[in-house]
N, C-alpha and C. Protein backbone atom coordinates (compact mmCIF):
# COMPACT_ATOMS: atom_id res chain seq x y z
N MET A 1 50.40 91.89 48.88
CA MET A 1 49.05 92.24 49.30
C MET A 1 48.12 91.04 49.20
N ALA A 2 48.29 90.29 48.07
CA ALA A 2 47.43 89.12 47.90
C ALA A 2 47.68 88.10 48.99
N GLY A 3 48.99 87.96 49.39
CA GLY A 3 49.30 87.00 50.46
C GLY A 3 48.70 87.42 51.78
N ALA A 4 48.74 88.72 52.08
CA ALA A 4 48.16 89.21 53.34
C ALA A 4 46.66 89.02 53.35
N ALA A 5 46.01 89.27 52.19
CA ALA A 5 44.56 89.08 52.11
C ALA A 5 44.18 87.62 52.31
N GLU A 6 45.01 86.74 51.73
CA GLU A 6 44.73 85.31 51.85
C GLU A 6 44.88 84.85 53.29
N ARG A 7 45.96 85.38 53.97
CA ARG A 7 46.16 85.01 55.38
C ARG A 7 45.01 85.53 56.25
N GLY A 8 44.53 86.74 55.91
CA GLY A 8 43.41 87.29 56.67
C GLY A 8 42.15 86.46 56.51
N ALA A 9 41.91 86.00 55.26
CA ALA A 9 40.73 85.17 55.00
C ALA A 9 40.81 83.86 55.77
N ARG A 10 42.03 83.28 55.79
CA ARG A 10 42.20 82.03 56.53
C ARG A 10 41.97 82.25 58.02
N TRP A 11 42.49 83.38 58.55
CA TRP A 11 42.33 83.66 59.99
C TRP A 11 40.85 83.79 60.35
N ARG A 12 40.10 84.54 59.46
CA ARG A 12 38.66 84.70 59.71
C ARG A 12 37.94 83.36 59.63
N GLU A 13 38.38 82.51 58.66
CA GLU A 13 37.75 81.20 58.52
C GLU A 13 37.99 80.34 59.76
N ASN A 14 39.26 80.38 60.28
CA ASN A 14 39.58 79.60 61.48
C ASN A 14 38.82 80.12 62.69
N SER A 15 38.70 81.46 62.78
CA SER A 15 37.97 82.04 63.90
C SER A 15 36.52 81.60 63.89
N LEU A 16 35.94 81.65 62.67
CA LEU A 16 34.55 81.21 62.55
C LEU A 16 34.40 79.74 62.93
N THR A 17 35.39 78.95 62.51
CA THR A 17 35.34 77.53 62.82
C THR A 17 35.43 77.30 64.33
N GLU A 18 36.34 77.99 65.01
CA GLU A 18 36.47 77.85 66.45
C GLU A 18 35.21 78.32 67.17
N GLU A 19 34.67 79.43 66.65
CA GLU A 19 33.44 79.94 67.25
C GLU A 19 32.29 78.95 67.07
N GLY A 20 32.26 78.35 65.88
CA GLY A 20 31.22 77.36 65.63
C GLY A 20 31.37 76.15 66.53
N VAL A 21 32.62 75.71 66.73
CA VAL A 21 32.87 74.57 67.61
C VAL A 21 32.46 74.92 69.04
N THR A 22 32.79 76.15 69.47
CA THR A 22 32.42 76.57 70.83
C THR A 22 30.91 76.57 71.01
N MET A 23 30.21 77.09 70.01
CA MET A 23 28.75 77.11 70.08
C MET A 23 28.18 75.70 70.15
N GLN A 24 28.77 74.82 69.34
CA GLN A 24 28.30 73.44 69.36
C GLN A 24 28.55 72.80 70.72
N MET A 25 29.72 73.10 71.31
CA MET A 25 30.03 72.56 72.64
C MET A 25 29.03 73.07 73.67
N ARG A 26 28.68 74.36 73.57
CA ARG A 26 27.72 74.92 74.52
C ARG A 26 26.35 74.26 74.37
N GLN A 27 25.93 74.10 73.11
CA GLN A 27 24.63 73.45 72.87
C GLN A 27 24.63 72.02 73.38
N LEU A 28 25.75 71.31 73.14
CA LEU A 28 25.86 69.94 73.61
C LEU A 28 25.85 69.88 75.14
N ALA A 29 26.52 70.85 75.76
CA ALA A 29 26.55 70.89 77.22
C ALA A 29 25.16 71.13 77.79
N LEU A 30 24.43 72.06 77.17
CA LEU A 30 23.08 72.34 77.65
C LEU A 30 22.18 71.12 77.51
N ALA A 31 22.26 70.47 76.33
CA ALA A 31 21.43 69.29 76.11
C ALA A 31 21.84 68.16 77.05
N SER A 32 23.15 67.96 77.22
CA SER A 32 23.63 66.89 78.11
C SER A 32 23.27 67.19 79.55
N GLY A 33 23.38 68.48 79.92
CA GLY A 33 23.02 68.86 81.29
C GLY A 33 21.58 68.57 81.59
N ALA A 34 20.70 68.86 80.63
CA ALA A 34 19.28 68.57 80.83
C ALA A 34 19.05 67.07 80.96
N THR A 35 19.77 66.29 80.13
CA THR A 35 19.64 64.84 80.21
C THR A 35 20.11 64.31 81.55
N VAL A 36 21.25 64.83 82.02
CA VAL A 36 21.79 64.40 83.31
C VAL A 36 20.84 64.76 84.44
N ARG A 37 20.28 65.96 84.37
CA ARG A 37 19.34 66.36 85.42
C ARG A 37 18.11 65.47 85.42
N ARG A 38 17.62 65.11 84.22
CA ARG A 38 16.48 64.19 84.15
C ARG A 38 16.86 62.83 84.73
N ALA A 39 18.07 62.37 84.43
CA ALA A 39 18.53 61.09 84.98
C ALA A 39 18.62 61.15 86.50
N ALA A 40 19.13 62.27 87.01
CA ALA A 40 19.22 62.42 88.46
C ALA A 40 17.84 62.38 89.11
N ASP A 41 16.87 63.07 88.47
CA ASP A 41 15.50 63.03 88.98
C ASP A 41 14.96 61.61 88.97
N GLY A 42 15.31 60.87 87.91
CA GLY A 42 14.86 59.47 87.81
C GLY A 42 15.44 58.62 88.93
N PHE A 43 16.71 58.83 89.26
CA PHE A 43 17.33 58.07 90.34
C PHE A 43 16.66 58.37 91.68
N VAL A 44 16.32 59.65 91.88
CA VAL A 44 15.66 60.03 93.14
C VAL A 44 14.30 59.36 93.24
N ARG A 45 13.54 59.38 92.12
CA ARG A 45 12.22 58.72 92.13
C ARG A 45 12.36 57.22 92.37
N LEU A 46 13.39 56.62 91.78
CA LEU A 46 13.62 55.18 91.97
C LEU A 46 13.97 54.88 93.43
N ALA A 47 14.77 55.76 94.03
CA ALA A 47 15.11 55.58 95.44
C ALA A 47 13.85 55.62 96.30
N ARG A 48 12.95 56.54 95.97
CA ARG A 48 11.69 56.62 96.72
C ARG A 48 10.87 55.35 96.54
N LEU A 49 10.82 54.85 95.32
CA LEU A 49 10.08 53.61 95.05
C LEU A 49 10.63 52.47 95.90
N GLU A 50 11.95 52.36 95.97
CA GLU A 50 12.55 51.26 96.73
C GLU A 50 12.29 51.42 98.22
N ARG A 51 12.21 52.67 98.70
CA ARG A 51 11.91 52.88 100.12
C ARG A 51 10.46 52.55 100.43
N VAL A 52 9.56 52.84 99.48
CA VAL A 52 8.16 52.45 99.66
C VAL A 52 8.05 50.93 99.73
N LEU A 53 8.80 50.25 98.86
CA LEU A 53 8.83 48.79 98.87
C LEU A 53 9.32 48.27 100.22
N ALA A 54 10.39 48.88 100.71
CA ALA A 54 10.96 48.44 101.99
C ALA A 54 9.96 48.61 103.12
N LEU A 55 9.31 49.77 103.14
CA LEU A 55 8.34 50.04 104.20
C LEU A 55 7.18 49.06 104.15
N ALA A 56 6.71 48.78 102.93
CA ALA A 56 5.59 47.84 102.77
C ALA A 56 5.97 46.45 103.25
N CYS A 57 7.19 46.01 102.94
CA CYS A 57 7.63 44.67 103.36
C CYS A 57 7.62 44.53 104.88
N ILE A 58 7.99 45.59 105.57
CA ILE A 58 8.04 45.54 107.04
C ILE A 58 6.64 45.60 107.65
N LEU A 59 5.77 46.45 107.07
CA LEU A 59 4.49 46.75 107.72
C LEU A 59 3.36 45.77 107.40
N ILE A 60 3.40 45.11 106.26
CA ILE A 60 2.29 44.25 105.85
C ILE A 60 1.96 43.18 106.91
N PRO A 61 2.94 42.42 107.41
CA PRO A 61 2.59 41.42 108.45
C PRO A 61 1.94 42.05 109.68
N ALA A 62 2.42 43.25 110.06
CA ALA A 62 1.85 43.93 111.22
C ALA A 62 0.39 44.29 110.97
N PHE A 63 0.08 44.78 109.77
CA PHE A 63 -1.30 45.12 109.44
C PHE A 63 -2.20 43.88 109.44
N LEU A 64 -1.66 42.77 108.95
CA LEU A 64 -2.45 41.53 108.94
C LEU A 64 -2.84 41.11 110.36
N VAL A 65 -1.88 41.15 111.26
CA VAL A 65 -2.15 40.80 112.66
C VAL A 65 -3.11 41.80 113.29
N LEU A 66 -2.90 43.08 112.99
CA LEU A 66 -3.72 44.14 113.57
C LEU A 66 -5.19 43.98 113.18
N PHE A 67 -5.45 43.69 111.90
CA PHE A 67 -6.83 43.61 111.42
C PHE A 67 -7.47 42.25 111.69
N ASP A 68 -6.65 41.21 111.83
CA ASP A 68 -7.21 39.87 112.05
C ASP A 68 -7.29 39.50 113.52
N GLY A 69 -6.44 40.11 114.32
CA GLY A 69 -6.43 39.81 115.75
C GLY A 69 -5.62 38.57 116.08
N HIS A 70 -5.64 38.20 117.35
CA HIS A 70 -4.89 37.02 117.84
C HIS A 70 -5.81 35.80 117.87
N PRO A 71 -5.26 34.60 117.79
CA PRO A 71 -3.82 34.32 117.70
C PRO A 71 -3.28 34.56 116.30
N VAL A 72 -1.97 34.70 116.21
CA VAL A 72 -1.32 34.88 114.91
C VAL A 72 -1.43 33.59 114.12
N ARG A 73 -1.77 33.69 112.84
CA ARG A 73 -1.90 32.49 111.99
C ARG A 73 -0.54 31.86 111.71
N GLN A 74 -0.57 30.64 111.19
CA GLN A 74 0.65 29.87 110.98
C GLN A 74 1.60 30.51 109.96
N SER A 75 1.05 31.18 108.97
CA SER A 75 1.89 31.82 107.96
C SER A 75 1.15 33.02 107.39
N ILE A 76 1.88 33.88 106.69
CA ILE A 76 1.26 35.03 106.04
C ILE A 76 0.23 34.57 105.02
N SER A 77 0.51 33.47 104.35
CA SER A 77 -0.40 32.96 103.32
C SER A 77 -1.78 32.62 103.88
N GLU A 78 -1.84 32.26 105.16
CA GLU A 78 -3.11 31.89 105.78
C GLU A 78 -4.07 33.07 105.91
N TYR A 79 -3.55 34.26 105.78
CA TYR A 79 -4.39 35.44 106.00
C TYR A 79 -5.32 35.75 104.84
N TYR A 80 -5.24 34.99 103.76
CA TYR A 80 -6.20 35.20 102.68
C TYR A 80 -7.61 34.86 103.15
N LYS A 81 -7.72 34.10 104.24
CA LYS A 81 -9.02 33.68 104.75
C LYS A 81 -9.60 34.65 105.78
N MET A 82 -8.88 35.71 106.09
CA MET A 82 -9.36 36.66 107.09
C MET A 82 -10.61 37.38 106.60
N ARG A 83 -11.40 37.87 107.54
CA ARG A 83 -12.67 38.51 107.19
C ARG A 83 -12.44 39.71 106.28
N SER A 84 -11.51 40.58 106.64
CA SER A 84 -11.18 41.74 105.79
C SER A 84 -10.05 41.34 104.85
N ASP A 85 -10.37 40.46 103.88
CA ASP A 85 -9.31 39.89 103.05
C ASP A 85 -8.63 40.91 102.15
N GLN A 86 -9.26 42.10 101.98
CA GLN A 86 -8.61 43.12 101.17
C GLN A 86 -7.31 43.60 101.82
N VAL A 87 -7.21 43.46 103.13
CA VAL A 87 -5.98 43.81 103.84
C VAL A 87 -4.85 42.87 103.44
N PHE A 88 -5.19 41.66 103.05
CA PHE A 88 -4.21 40.70 102.55
C PHE A 88 -3.90 40.96 101.08
N TYR A 89 -4.94 41.06 100.26
CA TYR A 89 -4.75 41.12 98.81
C TYR A 89 -4.19 42.46 98.32
N PHE A 90 -4.72 43.56 98.83
CA PHE A 90 -4.33 44.86 98.26
C PHE A 90 -2.85 45.19 98.48
N PRO A 91 -2.34 45.18 99.71
CA PRO A 91 -0.93 45.56 99.88
C PRO A 91 0.05 44.60 99.23
N LEU A 92 -0.24 43.30 99.28
CA LEU A 92 0.67 42.34 98.66
C LEU A 92 0.68 42.48 97.14
N THR A 93 -0.49 42.77 96.57
CA THR A 93 -0.55 43.01 95.12
C THR A 93 0.23 44.26 94.76
N ALA A 94 0.10 45.31 95.58
CA ALA A 94 0.85 46.55 95.34
C ALA A 94 2.36 46.29 95.40
N VAL A 95 2.79 45.51 96.38
CA VAL A 95 4.22 45.18 96.50
C VAL A 95 4.69 44.38 95.29
N SER A 96 3.85 43.45 94.84
CA SER A 96 4.18 42.66 93.65
C SER A 96 4.40 43.57 92.44
N ILE A 97 3.50 44.53 92.26
CA ILE A 97 3.62 45.47 91.13
C ILE A 97 4.89 46.30 91.27
N LEU A 98 5.19 46.75 92.50
CA LEU A 98 6.40 47.55 92.72
C LEU A 98 7.66 46.75 92.41
N PHE A 99 7.66 45.47 92.76
CA PHE A 99 8.80 44.61 92.40
C PHE A 99 8.98 44.57 90.89
N VAL A 100 7.88 44.35 90.17
CA VAL A 100 7.95 44.25 88.71
C VAL A 100 8.44 45.56 88.11
N VAL A 101 7.88 46.68 88.57
CA VAL A 101 8.27 48.00 88.05
C VAL A 101 9.75 48.25 88.33
N ASN A 102 10.20 47.92 89.54
CA ASN A 102 11.61 48.10 89.88
C ASN A 102 12.51 47.31 88.94
N GLY A 103 12.11 46.07 88.63
CA GLY A 103 12.91 45.25 87.73
C GLY A 103 12.94 45.78 86.31
N ILE A 104 11.84 46.42 85.89
CA ILE A 104 11.79 46.99 84.53
C ILE A 104 12.61 48.26 84.45
N VAL A 105 12.50 49.12 85.47
CA VAL A 105 13.19 50.40 85.46
C VAL A 105 14.70 50.22 85.59
N LYS A 106 15.12 49.35 86.50
CA LYS A 106 16.55 49.10 86.70
C LYS A 106 16.94 47.83 85.95
N GLU A 107 17.52 48.01 84.77
CA GLU A 107 17.81 46.88 83.90
C GLU A 107 18.74 45.87 84.57
N ARG A 108 19.64 46.36 85.42
CA ARG A 108 20.57 45.46 86.09
C ARG A 108 19.91 44.67 87.22
N GLN A 109 18.65 45.01 87.52
CA GLN A 109 17.92 44.30 88.57
C GLN A 109 16.65 43.67 87.99
N ALA A 110 16.77 43.12 86.79
CA ALA A 110 15.63 42.50 86.12
C ALA A 110 15.09 41.31 86.91
N TYR A 111 15.91 40.75 87.80
CA TYR A 111 15.44 39.63 88.61
C TYR A 111 14.25 40.02 89.49
N ASN A 112 14.12 41.32 89.80
CA ASN A 112 12.98 41.76 90.61
C ASN A 112 11.66 41.55 89.88
N THR A 113 11.69 41.60 88.55
CA THR A 113 10.48 41.31 87.78
C THR A 113 10.03 39.87 88.01
N ILE A 114 10.99 38.96 88.03
CA ILE A 114 10.67 37.55 88.29
C ILE A 114 10.14 37.38 89.71
N LEU A 115 10.80 38.03 90.67
CA LEU A 115 10.36 37.91 92.07
C LEU A 115 8.97 38.49 92.25
N GLY A 116 8.69 39.62 91.58
CA GLY A 116 7.35 40.20 91.66
C GLY A 116 6.30 39.30 91.06
N THR A 117 6.66 38.61 89.97
CA THR A 117 5.73 37.66 89.35
C THR A 117 5.46 36.48 90.29
N MET A 118 6.50 36.02 90.98
CA MET A 118 6.32 34.92 91.94
C MET A 118 5.43 35.35 93.10
N LEU A 119 5.59 36.59 93.56
CA LEU A 119 4.74 37.09 94.63
C LEU A 119 3.29 37.17 94.16
N ALA A 120 3.09 37.57 92.91
CA ALA A 120 1.74 37.61 92.35
C ALA A 120 1.14 36.20 92.31
N GLY A 121 1.96 35.22 91.95
CA GLY A 121 1.49 33.83 91.94
C GLY A 121 1.13 33.34 93.31
N LEU A 122 1.92 33.74 94.30
CA LEU A 122 1.66 33.38 95.69
C LEU A 122 0.30 33.92 96.14
N ILE A 123 -0.03 35.13 95.67
CA ILE A 123 -1.31 35.75 96.04
C ILE A 123 -2.46 35.11 95.28
N LEU A 124 -2.26 34.89 93.98
CA LEU A 124 -3.33 34.39 93.13
C LEU A 124 -3.70 32.95 93.45
N PHE A 125 -2.69 32.12 93.73
CA PHE A 125 -2.93 30.71 94.03
C PHE A 125 -2.79 30.48 95.53
N ASN A 126 -3.93 30.44 96.23
CA ASN A 126 -3.87 30.35 97.69
C ASN A 126 -3.35 28.99 98.16
N CYS A 127 -2.98 28.94 99.44
CA CYS A 127 -2.29 27.78 99.98
C CYS A 127 -3.18 26.56 100.18
N ASP A 128 -4.52 26.71 100.09
CA ASP A 128 -5.44 25.59 100.28
C ASP A 128 -5.87 24.96 98.96
N ALA A 129 -6.29 25.78 98.02
CA ALA A 129 -6.78 25.27 96.74
C ALA A 129 -5.64 24.87 95.79
N PHE A 130 -4.51 25.57 95.87
CA PHE A 130 -3.38 25.30 94.96
C PHE A 130 -2.09 25.19 95.77
N PRO A 131 -1.98 24.23 96.66
CA PRO A 131 -0.84 24.17 97.58
C PRO A 131 0.51 24.04 96.89
N ARG A 132 0.58 23.21 95.83
CA ARG A 132 1.88 22.99 95.18
C ARG A 132 2.35 24.26 94.46
N ILE A 133 1.45 24.86 93.67
CA ILE A 133 1.83 26.09 92.95
C ILE A 133 2.18 27.19 93.95
N HIS A 134 1.37 27.29 95.00
CA HIS A 134 1.59 28.31 96.02
C HIS A 134 2.97 28.14 96.66
N ASP A 135 3.29 26.91 97.03
CA ASP A 135 4.57 26.65 97.69
C ASP A 135 5.76 26.94 96.76
N ILE A 136 5.62 26.62 95.49
CA ILE A 136 6.69 26.90 94.53
C ILE A 136 6.92 28.41 94.41
N CYS A 137 5.82 29.15 94.27
CA CYS A 137 5.92 30.61 94.15
C CYS A 137 6.54 31.22 95.40
N ALA A 138 6.10 30.73 96.56
CA ALA A 138 6.63 31.24 97.83
C ALA A 138 8.12 30.93 97.96
N ALA A 139 8.50 29.71 97.61
CA ALA A 139 9.90 29.30 97.72
C ALA A 139 10.78 30.14 96.80
N VAL A 140 10.35 30.32 95.55
CA VAL A 140 11.14 31.11 94.60
C VAL A 140 11.25 32.56 95.07
N PHE A 141 10.16 33.11 95.61
CA PHE A 141 10.17 34.49 96.07
C PHE A 141 11.14 34.69 97.23
N PHE A 142 11.02 33.88 98.27
CA PHE A 142 11.85 34.08 99.46
C PHE A 142 13.29 33.65 99.23
N ILE A 143 13.49 32.48 98.60
CA ILE A 143 14.86 32.03 98.33
C ILE A 143 15.53 32.95 97.32
N GLY A 144 14.75 33.37 96.31
CA GLY A 144 15.29 34.28 95.30
C GLY A 144 15.75 35.59 95.90
N ASN A 145 14.97 36.14 96.82
CA ASN A 145 15.39 37.38 97.49
C ASN A 145 16.64 37.16 98.32
N GLY A 146 16.72 35.98 98.97
CA GLY A 146 17.93 35.68 99.73
C GLY A 146 19.16 35.62 98.85
N VAL A 147 19.03 35.00 97.68
CA VAL A 147 20.14 34.91 96.73
C VAL A 147 20.54 36.30 96.25
N VAL A 148 19.55 37.14 95.96
CA VAL A 148 19.83 38.51 95.50
C VAL A 148 20.60 39.28 96.57
N ILE A 149 20.15 39.18 97.82
CA ILE A 149 20.82 39.91 98.91
C ILE A 149 22.25 39.42 99.09
N LEU A 150 22.44 38.12 99.03
CA LEU A 150 23.76 37.55 99.29
C LEU A 150 24.75 37.76 98.15
N PHE A 151 24.27 37.77 96.91
CA PHE A 151 25.19 37.79 95.77
C PHE A 151 25.07 39.00 94.85
N PHE A 152 23.97 39.77 94.93
CA PHE A 152 23.80 40.88 93.99
C PHE A 152 23.59 42.22 94.68
N SER A 153 23.82 42.29 95.97
CA SER A 153 23.64 43.55 96.69
C SER A 153 24.68 44.57 96.24
N SER A 154 24.28 45.87 96.21
CA SER A 154 25.21 46.93 95.86
C SER A 154 26.23 47.19 96.97
N LEU A 155 25.93 46.70 98.17
CA LEU A 155 26.84 46.89 99.29
C LEU A 155 28.08 46.02 99.08
N LYS A 156 29.24 46.65 99.05
CA LYS A 156 30.47 45.92 98.74
C LYS A 156 31.03 45.17 99.94
N HIS A 157 30.67 45.61 101.15
CA HIS A 157 31.18 44.93 102.34
C HIS A 157 30.39 43.66 102.61
N ASN A 158 31.05 42.69 103.18
CA ASN A 158 30.42 41.38 103.38
C ASN A 158 29.67 41.25 104.70
N TYR A 159 29.85 42.22 105.61
CA TYR A 159 29.24 42.04 106.94
C TYR A 159 27.72 42.04 106.86
N PHE A 160 27.14 42.83 105.93
CA PHE A 160 25.69 42.85 105.79
C PHE A 160 25.19 41.51 105.29
N ARG A 161 25.84 40.97 104.27
CA ARG A 161 25.43 39.68 103.73
C ARG A 161 25.55 38.58 104.78
N ALA A 162 26.64 38.60 105.52
CA ALA A 162 26.84 37.60 106.57
C ALA A 162 25.76 37.74 107.65
N SER A 163 25.42 38.97 107.99
CA SER A 163 24.38 39.21 109.01
C SER A 163 23.03 38.68 108.54
N VAL A 164 22.71 38.93 107.27
CA VAL A 164 21.45 38.44 106.71
C VAL A 164 21.40 36.92 106.77
N ALA A 165 22.49 36.28 106.37
CA ALA A 165 22.54 34.82 106.36
C ALA A 165 22.35 34.27 107.78
N VAL A 166 22.99 34.89 108.77
CA VAL A 166 22.88 34.42 110.15
C VAL A 166 21.46 34.60 110.68
N VAL A 167 20.86 35.76 110.41
CA VAL A 167 19.51 36.04 110.91
C VAL A 167 18.49 35.07 110.30
N ILE A 168 18.56 34.89 108.98
CA ILE A 168 17.60 34.00 108.32
C ILE A 168 17.80 32.55 108.76
N LEU A 169 19.06 32.13 108.90
CA LEU A 169 19.35 30.77 109.37
C LEU A 169 18.81 30.56 110.78
N ALA A 170 18.99 31.54 111.63
CA ALA A 170 18.48 31.45 113.00
C ALA A 170 16.96 31.34 113.02
N ALA A 171 16.31 32.12 112.15
CA ALA A 171 14.85 32.08 112.07
C ALA A 171 14.37 30.71 111.58
N LEU A 172 15.06 30.16 110.58
CA LEU A 172 14.67 28.85 110.05
C LEU A 172 14.86 27.75 111.09
N LEU A 173 15.97 27.80 111.80
CA LEU A 173 16.22 26.79 112.84
C LEU A 173 15.19 26.91 113.97
N SER A 174 14.85 28.13 114.34
CA SER A 174 13.86 28.35 115.40
C SER A 174 12.51 27.76 115.03
N CYS A 175 12.21 27.80 113.72
CA CYS A 175 10.90 27.29 113.27
C CYS A 175 10.92 25.78 113.04
N PHE A 176 11.85 25.33 112.21
CA PHE A 176 11.79 23.94 111.73
C PHE A 176 12.56 22.95 112.61
N ALA A 177 13.62 23.43 113.28
CA ALA A 177 14.41 22.52 114.11
C ALA A 177 13.94 22.48 115.56
N PHE A 178 13.57 23.64 116.09
CA PHE A 178 13.23 23.71 117.51
C PHE A 178 11.75 24.01 117.76
N GLY A 179 11.02 24.39 116.72
CA GLY A 179 9.59 24.65 116.88
C GLY A 179 9.28 25.81 117.81
N LEU A 180 10.18 26.77 117.91
CA LEU A 180 9.97 27.89 118.82
C LEU A 180 9.03 28.94 118.25
N VAL A 181 9.02 29.07 116.93
CA VAL A 181 8.17 30.07 116.27
C VAL A 181 7.47 29.41 115.09
N THR A 182 6.44 30.08 114.60
CA THR A 182 5.73 29.58 113.42
C THR A 182 6.36 30.15 112.15
N LEU A 183 5.91 29.65 111.01
CA LEU A 183 6.42 30.11 109.73
C LEU A 183 6.13 31.59 109.52
N PHE A 184 5.06 32.09 110.10
CA PHE A 184 4.71 33.51 109.98
C PHE A 184 5.88 34.40 110.39
N TRP A 185 6.53 34.07 111.51
CA TRP A 185 7.62 34.90 112.01
C TRP A 185 8.86 34.77 111.14
N VAL A 186 9.08 33.60 110.59
CA VAL A 186 10.20 33.42 109.66
C VAL A 186 9.99 34.29 108.42
N GLU A 187 8.76 34.28 107.92
CA GLU A 187 8.45 35.09 106.74
C GLU A 187 8.60 36.57 107.05
N TRP A 188 8.19 36.98 108.24
CA TRP A 188 8.31 38.39 108.60
C TRP A 188 9.78 38.80 108.70
N VAL A 189 10.60 37.94 109.29
CA VAL A 189 12.04 38.22 109.36
C VAL A 189 12.63 38.32 107.95
N SER A 190 12.22 37.41 107.08
CA SER A 190 12.71 37.45 105.69
C SER A 190 12.30 38.74 105.00
N LEU A 191 11.05 39.16 105.20
CA LEU A 191 10.59 40.42 104.61
C LEU A 191 11.35 41.61 105.17
N ALA A 192 11.69 41.54 106.45
CA ALA A 192 12.47 42.62 107.07
C ALA A 192 13.86 42.71 106.44
N MET A 193 14.48 41.56 106.16
CA MET A 193 15.79 41.55 105.51
C MET A 193 15.69 42.11 104.08
N ILE A 194 14.60 41.76 103.40
CA ILE A 194 14.36 42.31 102.06
C ILE A 194 14.23 43.84 102.15
N ALA A 195 13.53 44.31 103.19
CA ALA A 195 13.32 45.75 103.39
C ALA A 195 14.66 46.46 103.61
N VAL A 196 15.51 45.87 104.45
CA VAL A 196 16.83 46.48 104.70
C VAL A 196 17.63 46.55 103.40
N HIS A 197 17.54 45.50 102.61
CA HIS A 197 18.23 45.47 101.32
C HIS A 197 17.74 46.59 100.41
N PHE A 198 16.43 46.81 100.37
CA PHE A 198 15.89 47.87 99.52
C PHE A 198 16.29 49.26 100.03
N PHE A 199 16.35 49.43 101.35
CA PHE A 199 16.82 50.70 101.89
C PHE A 199 18.25 50.97 101.45
N ILE A 200 19.09 49.95 101.48
CA ILE A 200 20.48 50.10 101.05
C ILE A 200 20.54 50.41 99.55
N GLU A 201 19.77 49.68 98.75
CA GLU A 201 19.75 49.91 97.31
C GLU A 201 19.27 51.32 96.99
N SER A 202 18.30 51.82 97.77
CA SER A 202 17.77 53.16 97.52
C SER A 202 18.82 54.22 97.79
N SER A 203 19.68 53.99 98.78
CA SER A 203 20.74 54.96 99.06
C SER A 203 21.75 54.99 97.93
N PHE A 204 22.04 53.83 97.33
CA PHE A 204 22.95 53.79 96.18
C PHE A 204 22.32 54.45 94.96
N ALA A 205 21.01 54.25 94.78
CA ALA A 205 20.32 54.86 93.63
C ALA A 205 20.33 56.37 93.74
N ALA A 206 20.14 56.89 94.96
CA ALA A 206 20.10 58.35 95.16
C ALA A 206 21.46 58.97 94.94
N GLU A 207 22.55 58.20 95.17
CA GLU A 207 23.89 58.73 95.04
C GLU A 207 24.53 58.39 93.70
N GLU A 208 23.75 57.83 92.78
CA GLU A 208 24.29 57.42 91.48
C GLU A 208 24.94 58.62 90.79
N PRO A 209 26.18 58.48 90.28
CA PRO A 209 26.86 59.62 89.66
C PRO A 209 26.16 60.08 88.40
N THR A 210 25.91 61.39 88.32
CA THR A 210 25.23 61.96 87.15
C THR A 210 25.91 63.26 86.75
N ARG A 211 27.26 63.29 86.73
CA ARG A 211 28.00 64.50 86.40
C ARG A 211 28.34 64.54 84.93
N LEU A 212 28.45 65.77 84.40
CA LEU A 212 28.91 65.95 83.04
C LEU A 212 30.43 65.78 82.97
N PRO A 213 30.96 65.43 81.79
CA PRO A 213 32.41 65.44 81.62
C PRO A 213 32.96 66.86 81.84
N PRO A 214 34.24 67.02 82.26
CA PRO A 214 34.80 68.35 82.57
C PRO A 214 34.67 69.35 81.42
N GLN A 215 34.92 68.89 80.17
CA GLN A 215 34.85 69.81 79.03
C GLN A 215 33.44 70.38 78.89
N LEU A 216 32.42 69.51 79.04
CA LEU A 216 31.05 69.98 78.90
C LEU A 216 30.64 70.83 80.10
N GLN A 217 31.20 70.55 81.28
CA GLN A 217 30.92 71.40 82.44
C GLN A 217 31.40 72.82 82.18
N ARG A 218 32.62 72.96 81.63
CA ARG A 218 33.16 74.28 81.35
C ARG A 218 32.34 75.00 80.29
N ALA A 219 31.92 74.25 79.27
CA ALA A 219 31.12 74.86 78.21
C ALA A 219 29.76 75.30 78.74
N GLU A 220 29.15 74.48 79.63
CA GLU A 220 27.85 74.84 80.20
C GLU A 220 27.99 76.08 81.08
N ALA A 221 29.11 76.17 81.84
CA ALA A 221 29.34 77.33 82.70
C ALA A 221 29.54 78.59 81.85
N ALA A 222 30.22 78.44 80.72
CA ALA A 222 30.47 79.60 79.85
C ALA A 222 29.21 80.11 79.20
N SER A 223 28.21 79.21 79.04
CA SER A 223 26.97 79.64 78.40
C SER A 223 26.11 80.44 79.38
């Protein structure tokens, strides 16, 4: 009788232990599920941020020309002298901030913080009063973005990188070798390539895997 009672006590103890483990698994699944859902929401918001950045990069030169009229100035930097200079300062400052925020939020893309800082320097130090500082900031911003696209893009295929290199090279040759276009158009082409890169990055951010492990999925379903 004593042996049967002891076996019964052990069985109840094991049952309680298994039940406790199951409850803990369910609680962990619920907490992890909430964390994953928050992470997924964060990726979606980040994707939207990158698409806003892409749109701004494409549209800013168009707005500058629209508000300043013809002829088109030699470079985007020249537009700080336009009558409605807020059209120059406000959107470029916003883009600079978005670059910095993107670099802070996405730890693997911290280089965007540096690029955003360079863009801020380009805006703060105009091309007439501070030509050397302005040129350095502009060079780091545009060359830095080119390096990022060519070597740090999430796109695994090389055709996009090769296409970017060909387009930018063609724009540079058209400006500096053949004099067919001004620097303004080269800068606009570069911004367009940056925009395409951000659109691609945003698609990867939106599809970032945020699934629970199978064991926690089963526990969450059981709850």
